[in-house]
Amino acid sequence: RNIGGTQFCDTESWYCECLKTHSGDLCQFTACERSPCGHGATCVPKPSGDPVCLCPYGRAGVLCLDGKYVNSQL
């Protein structure tokens, strides 16, 4: 099943040429399907195919793996 790309076939072998937003042998994975973000962050795929993690409160970093000091005093 080829989801995110165009599959080219010939009589001896086959391969898939995926769109930038998909990966895998059959283009079956999106950038966020493998859950690259940590600590309950929301993953959003960019048009380039790279994932962007929207970190929850108190988390920071590219994959939201870093703790962030939060001062609750206003």
C-alpha atoms as a PDB file:
ATOM      1  CA  ARG A   1       0.000   0.000   0.000  1.00  0.00           C
ATOM      2  CA  ASN A   2       1.585   3.238  -1.143  1.00  0.00           C
ATOM      3  CA  ILE A   3       0.164   6.242   0.678  1.00  0.00           C
ATOM      4  CA  GLY A   4       2.502   9.199   0.347  1.00  0.00           C
ATOM      5  CA  GLY A   5       4.226   8.794  -2.951  1.00  0.00           C
ATOM      6  CA  THR A   6       4.321   7.372  -6.405  1.00  0.00           C
ATOM      7  CA  GLN A   7       5.294   3.750  -6.838  1.00  0.00           C
ATOM      8  CA  PHE A   8       7.340   2.830  -9.890  1.00  0.00           C
ATOM      9  CA  CYS A   9       7.417  -0.824 -10.848  1.00  0.00           C
ATOM     10  CA  ASP A  10       9.282  -2.897 -13.373  1.00  0.00           C
ATOM     11  CA  THR A  11       9.461  -6.641 -13.984  1.00  0.00           C
ATOM     12  CA  GLU A  12      12.555  -7.250 -11.849  1.00  0.00           C
ATOM     13  CA  SER A  13      12.245  -4.870  -8.920  1.00  0.00           C
ATOM     14  CA  TRP A  14      10.193  -2.061  -7.476  1.00  0.00           C
ATOM     15  CA  TYR A  15      10.793   0.999  -5.397  1.00  0.00           C
ATOM     16  CA  CYS A  16       8.776   3.936  -4.124  1.00  0.00           C
ATOM     17  CA  GLU A  17       9.620   7.540  -4.619  1.00  0.00           C
ATOM     18  CA  CYS A  18       8.059   9.298  -1.617  1.00  0.00           C
ATOM     19  CA  LEU A  19       6.776  12.815  -1.240  1.00  0.00           C
ATOM     20  CA  LYS A  20       8.831  14.914   1.203  1.00  0.00           C
ATOM     21  CA  THR A  21       6.168  14.432   3.887  1.00  0.00           C
ATOM     22  CA  HIS A  22       6.431  10.605   3.835  1.00  0.00           C
ATOM     23  CA  SER A  23       9.102   7.956   4.335  1.00  0.00           C
ATOM     24  CA  GLY A  24       9.454   4.187   4.459  1.00  0.00           C
ATOM     25  CA  ASP A  25       9.759   1.468   1.832  1.00  0.00           C
ATOM     26  CA  LEU A  26       6.137   2.022   0.814  1.00  0.00           C
ATOM     27  CA  CYS A  27       5.918   5.717   1.773  1.00  0.00           C
ATOM     28  CA  GLN A  28       3.727   4.584   4.656  1.00  0.00           C
ATOM     29  CA  PHE A  29       5.139   6.868   7.379  1.00  0.00           C
ATOM     30  CA  THR A  30       4.487  10.552   7.916  1.00  0.00           C
ATOM     31  CA  ALA A  31       6.982  12.698   9.800  1.00  0.00           C
ATOM     32  CA  CYS A  32       4.895  12.420  12.962  1.00  0.00           C
ATOM     33  CA  GLU A  33       3.839   8.784  12.733  1.00  0.00           C
ATOM     34  CA  ARG A  34       6.885   7.576  14.653  1.00  0.00           C
ATOM     35  CA  SER A  35       6.128  10.019  17.521  1.00  0.00           C
ATOM     36  CA  PRO A  36       9.431  11.910  17.608  1.00  0.00           C
ATOM     37  CA  CYS A  37       8.194  14.435  20.207  1.00  0.00           C
ATOM     38  CA  GLY A  38       8.495  13.739  23.903  1.00  0.00           C
ATOM     39  CA  HIS A  39       6.413  14.435  26.999  1.00  0.00           C
ATOM     40  CA  GLY A  40       3.027  14.583  25.295  1.00  0.00           C
ATOM     41  CA  ALA A  41       4.028  17.224  22.774  1.00  0.00           C
ATOM     42  CA  THR A  42       1.982  17.678  19.626  1.00  0.00           C
ATOM     43  CA  CYS A  43       3.761  16.801  16.398  1.00  0.00           C
ATOM     44  CA  VAL A  44       3.001  18.818  13.269  1.00  0.00           C
ATOM     45  CA  PRO A  45       4.627  17.891   9.939  1.00  0.00           C
ATOM     46  CA  LYS A  46       6.125  20.785   7.978  1.00  0.00           C
ATOM     47  CA  PRO A  47       5.763  20.864   4.177  1.00  0.00           C
ATOM     48  CA  SER A  48       9.474  19.991   3.981  1.00  0.00           C
ATOM     49  CA  GLY A  49       8.708  16.678   5.691  1.00  0.00           C
ATOM     50  CA  ASP A  50      10.398  17.550   8.972  1.00  0.00           C
ATOM     51  CA  PRO A  51       8.423  17.259  12.207  1.00  0.00           C
ATOM     52  CA  VAL A  52       7.816  20.259  14.459  1.00  0.00           C
ATOM     53  CA  CYS A  53       7.056  19.617  18.125  1.00  0.00           C
ATOM     54  CA  LEU A  54       4.673  21.912  19.963  1.00  0.00           C
ATOM     55  CA  CYS A  55       5.837  21.540  23.551  1.00  0.00           C
ATOM     56  CA  PRO A  56       3.507  21.419  26.536  1.00  0.00           C
ATOM     57  CA  TYR A  57       3.892  23.926  29.356  1.00  0.00           C
ATOM     58  CA  GLY A  58       7.164  23.381  31.195  1.00  0.00           C
ATOM     59  CA  ARG A  59       8.961  21.681  28.284  1.00  0.00           C
ATOM     60  CA  ALA A  60      11.368  23.035  25.655  1.00  0.00           C
ATOM     61  CA  GLY A  61      13.789  21.929  22.945  1.00  0.00           C
ATOM     62  CA  VAL A  62      13.414  20.594  19.432  1.00  0.00           C
ATOM     63  CA  LEU A  63      11.768  17.379  20.661  1.00  0.00           C
ATOM     64  CA  CYS A  64      10.439  18.834  23.946  1.00  0.00           C
ATOM     65  CA  LEU A  65      12.879  16.712  25.939  1.00  0.00           C
ATOM     66  CA  ASP A  66      14.288  19.607  27.984  1.00  0.00           C
ATOM     67  CA  GLY A  67      12.711  20.714  31.215  1.00  0.00           C
ATOM     68  CA  LYS A  68      11.985  24.417  31.469  1.00  0.00           C
ATOM     69  CA  TYR A  69      11.797  26.275  34.770  1.00  0.00           C
ATOM     70  CA  VAL A  70       8.391  27.850  35.149  1.00  0.00           C
ATOM     71  CA  ASN A  71       7.912  30.614  37.706  1.00  0.00           C
ATOM     72  CA  SER A  72       4.298  30.514  38.807  1.00  0.00           C
ATOM     73  CA  GLN A  73       4.446  33.889  40.557  1.00  0.00           C
ATOM     74  CA  LEU A  74       3.050  36.786  38.612  1.00  0.00           C
END
